[in-house]
């Protein structure tokens, strides 16, 4: 979705729900109450794209040993050295 977010009042969204459903297919539609955004209407494709980006979280104790070893032995890239001054 590359279009900017459209903002519409709740009463307007309710009166013209079909119109804003159609608009939500190409851009997010923020539904406002008292001028403040409360909810966002987006297409199912955008929702599913965002859900795929969810991360799986696990406790370090539950991590497979090969993954723990890979993290333990990871080395920063040469490019990252340019940021060393930020942590000293």
C-alpha atoms as a PDB file:
ATOM      1  CA  UNK A   1       0.000   0.000   0.000  1.00  0.00           C
ATOM      2  CA  UNK A   2       1.665   3.170  -1.145  1.00  0.00           C
ATOM      3  CA  UNK A   3      -1.200   5.644  -0.803  1.00  0.00           C
ATOM      4  CA  UNK A   4      -1.277   7.862   2.310  1.00  0.00           C
ATOM      5  CA  UNK A   5      -3.750   6.959   5.034  1.00  0.00           C
ATOM      6  CA  UNK A   6      -7.230   8.367   4.529  1.00  0.00           C
ATOM      7  CA  UNK A   7      -8.909   9.664   7.711  1.00  0.00           C
ATOM      8  CA  UNK A   8     -12.666   9.658   8.076  1.00  0.00           C
ATOM      9  CA  UNK A   9     -15.019  10.229  10.984  1.00  0.00           C
ATOM     10  CA  UNK A  10     -16.922   7.265  12.397  1.00  0.00           C
ATOM     11  CA  UNK A  11     -20.334   8.650  11.414  1.00  0.00           C
ATOM     12  CA  UNK A  12     -19.183   9.270   7.836  1.00  0.00           C
ATOM     13  CA  UNK A  13     -17.638   5.796   7.637  1.00  0.00           C
ATOM     14  CA  UNK A  14     -20.889   4.278   8.882  1.00  0.00           C
ATOM     15  CA  UNK A  15     -23.011   6.214   6.367  1.00  0.00           C
ATOM     16  CA  UNK A  16     -20.772   5.241   3.439  1.00  0.00           C
ATOM     17  CA  UNK A  17     -19.315   1.954   4.632  1.00  0.00           C
ATOM     18  CA  UNK A  18     -19.171   0.357   1.174  1.00  0.00           C
ATOM     19  CA  UNK A  19     -17.253   3.333  -0.234  1.00  0.00           C
ATOM     20  CA  UNK A  20     -14.613   3.165   2.499  1.00  0.00           C
ATOM     21  CA  UNK A  21     -14.393  -0.617   2.191  1.00  0.00           C
ATOM     22  CA  UNK A  22     -13.501  -0.106  -1.464  1.00  0.00           C
ATOM     23  CA  UNK A  23     -10.975   2.615  -0.609  1.00  0.00           C
ATOM     24  CA  UNK A  24      -9.356   0.304   1.977  1.00  0.00           C
ATOM     25  CA  UNK A  25      -8.454  -2.067  -0.852  1.00  0.00           C
ATOM     26  CA  UNK A  26      -5.847   0.440  -2.089  1.00  0.00           C
ATOM     27  CA  UNK A  27      -5.035   2.520   0.993  1.00  0.00           C
ATOM     28  CA  UNK A  28      -5.516   2.280   4.753  1.00  0.00           C
ATOM     29  CA  UNK A  29      -8.582   4.098   6.078  1.00  0.00           C
ATOM     30  CA  UNK A  30      -8.325   5.469   9.615  1.00  0.00           C
ATOM     31  CA  UNK A  31     -11.682   5.713  11.380  1.00  0.00           C
ATOM     32  CA  UNK A  32     -11.636   8.637  13.801  1.00  0.00           C
ATOM     33  CA  UNK A  33     -13.681   9.491  16.861  1.00  0.00           C
ATOM     34  CA  UNK A  34     -13.576  13.028  18.184  1.00  0.00           C
ATOM     35  CA  UNK A  35     -10.872  13.718  15.599  1.00  0.00           C
ATOM     36  CA  UNK A  36      -8.545  10.994  16.895  1.00  0.00           C
ATOM     37  CA  UNK A  37      -7.805   7.779  14.985  1.00  0.00           C
ATOM     38  CA  UNK A  38      -9.247   4.705  16.736  1.00  0.00           C
ATOM     39  CA  UNK A  39      -9.248   1.926  14.139  1.00  0.00           C
ATOM     40  CA  UNK A  40      -7.822   1.262  10.689  1.00  0.00           C
ATOM     41  CA  UNK A  41      -9.514  -0.544   7.830  1.00  0.00           C
ATOM     42  CA  UNK A  42      -7.141  -2.377   5.460  1.00  0.00           C
ATOM     43  CA  UNK A  43      -7.477  -4.971   2.714  1.00  0.00           C
ATOM     44  CA  UNK A  44      -7.304  -8.644   3.590  1.00  0.00           C
ATOM     45  CA  UNK A  45      -4.132  -8.908   1.490  1.00  0.00           C
ATOM     46  CA  UNK A  46      -2.442  -6.208   3.568  1.00  0.00           C
ATOM     47  CA  UNK A  47      -3.625  -7.828   6.801  1.00  0.00           C
ATOM     48  CA  UNK A  48      -2.254 -11.213   5.715  1.00  0.00           C
ATOM     49  CA  UNK A  49       1.045  -9.608   4.671  1.00  0.00           C
ATOM     50  CA  UNK A  50       1.379  -8.038   8.102  1.00  0.00           C
ATOM     51  CA  UNK A  51       0.482 -11.293   9.855  1.00  0.00           C
ATOM     52  CA  UNK A  52       3.218 -13.127   7.932  1.00  0.00           C
ATOM     53  CA  UNK A  53       5.686 -10.668   9.413  1.00  0.00           C
ATOM     54  CA  UNK A  54       4.792 -11.659  12.988  1.00  0.00           C
ATOM     55  CA  UNK A  55       7.752 -13.100  14.802  1.00  0.00           C
ATOM     56  CA  UNK A  56       7.917 -16.330  16.673  1.00  0.00           C
ATOM     57  CA  UNK A  57       9.147 -15.802  20.209  1.00  0.00           C
ATOM     58  CA  UNK A  58      10.823 -18.434  22.345  1.00  0.00           C
ATOM     59  CA  UNK A  59      12.674 -18.524  25.621  1.00  0.00           C
ATOM     60  CA  UNK A  60      16.421 -18.974  25.321  1.00  0.00           C
ATOM     61  CA  UNK A  61      16.084 -22.204  27.335  1.00  0.00           C
ATOM     62  CA  UNK A  62      13.808 -23.598  24.604  1.00  0.00           C
ATOM     63  CA  UNK A  63      16.099 -22.636  21.735  1.00  0.00           C
ATOM     64  CA  UNK A  64      17.602 -25.475  19.693  1.00  0.00           C
ATOM     65  CA  UNK A  65      21.282 -25.939  20.589  1.00  0.00           C
ATOM     66  CA  UNK A  66      22.480 -25.405  17.000  1.00  0.00           C
ATOM     67  CA  UNK A  67      20.767 -21.996  16.912  1.00  0.00           C
ATOM     68  CA  UNK A  68      22.227 -21.031  20.312  1.00  0.00           C
ATOM     69  CA  UNK A  69      25.689 -22.053  19.078  1.00  0.00           C
ATOM     70  CA  UNK A  70      25.265 -20.025  15.882  1.00  0.00           C
ATOM     71  CA  UNK A  71      24.341 -16.922  17.883  1.00  0.00           C
ATOM     72  CA  UNK A  72      27.177 -17.482  20.349  1.00  0.00           C
ATOM     73  CA  UNK A  73      29.757 -17.725  17.560  1.00  0.00           C
ATOM     74  CA  UNK A  74      28.353 -14.980  15.309  1.00  0.00           C
ATOM     75  CA  UNK A  75      30.761 -12.246  14.260  1.00  0.00           C
ATOM     76  CA  UNK A  76      29.775  -8.724  13.202  1.00  0.00           C
ATOM     77  CA  UNK A  77      30.343  -7.791   9.573  1.00  0.00           C
ATOM     78  CA  UNK A  78      33.203  -5.498   8.566  1.00  0.00           C
ATOM     79  CA  UNK A  79      30.643  -2.844   7.647  1.00  0.00           C
ATOM     80  CA  UNK A  80      29.338  -2.751  11.212  1.00  0.00           C
ATOM     81  CA  UNK A  81      32.702  -1.473  12.507  1.00  0.00           C
ATOM     82  CA  UNK A  82      31.751   2.018  11.365  1.00  0.00           C
ATOM     83  CA  UNK A  83      29.275   2.096  14.269  1.00  0.00           C
ATOM     84  CA  UNK A  84      31.772   1.063  16.973  1.00  0.00           C
ATOM     85  CA  UNK A  85      32.079   4.654  18.172  1.00  0.00           C
ATOM     86  CA  UNK A  86      28.398   4.606  19.196  1.00  0.00           C
ATOM     87  CA  UNK A  87      28.945   1.939  21.870  1.00  0.00           C
ATOM     88  CA  UNK A  88      32.221   3.091  23.355  1.00  0.00           C
END
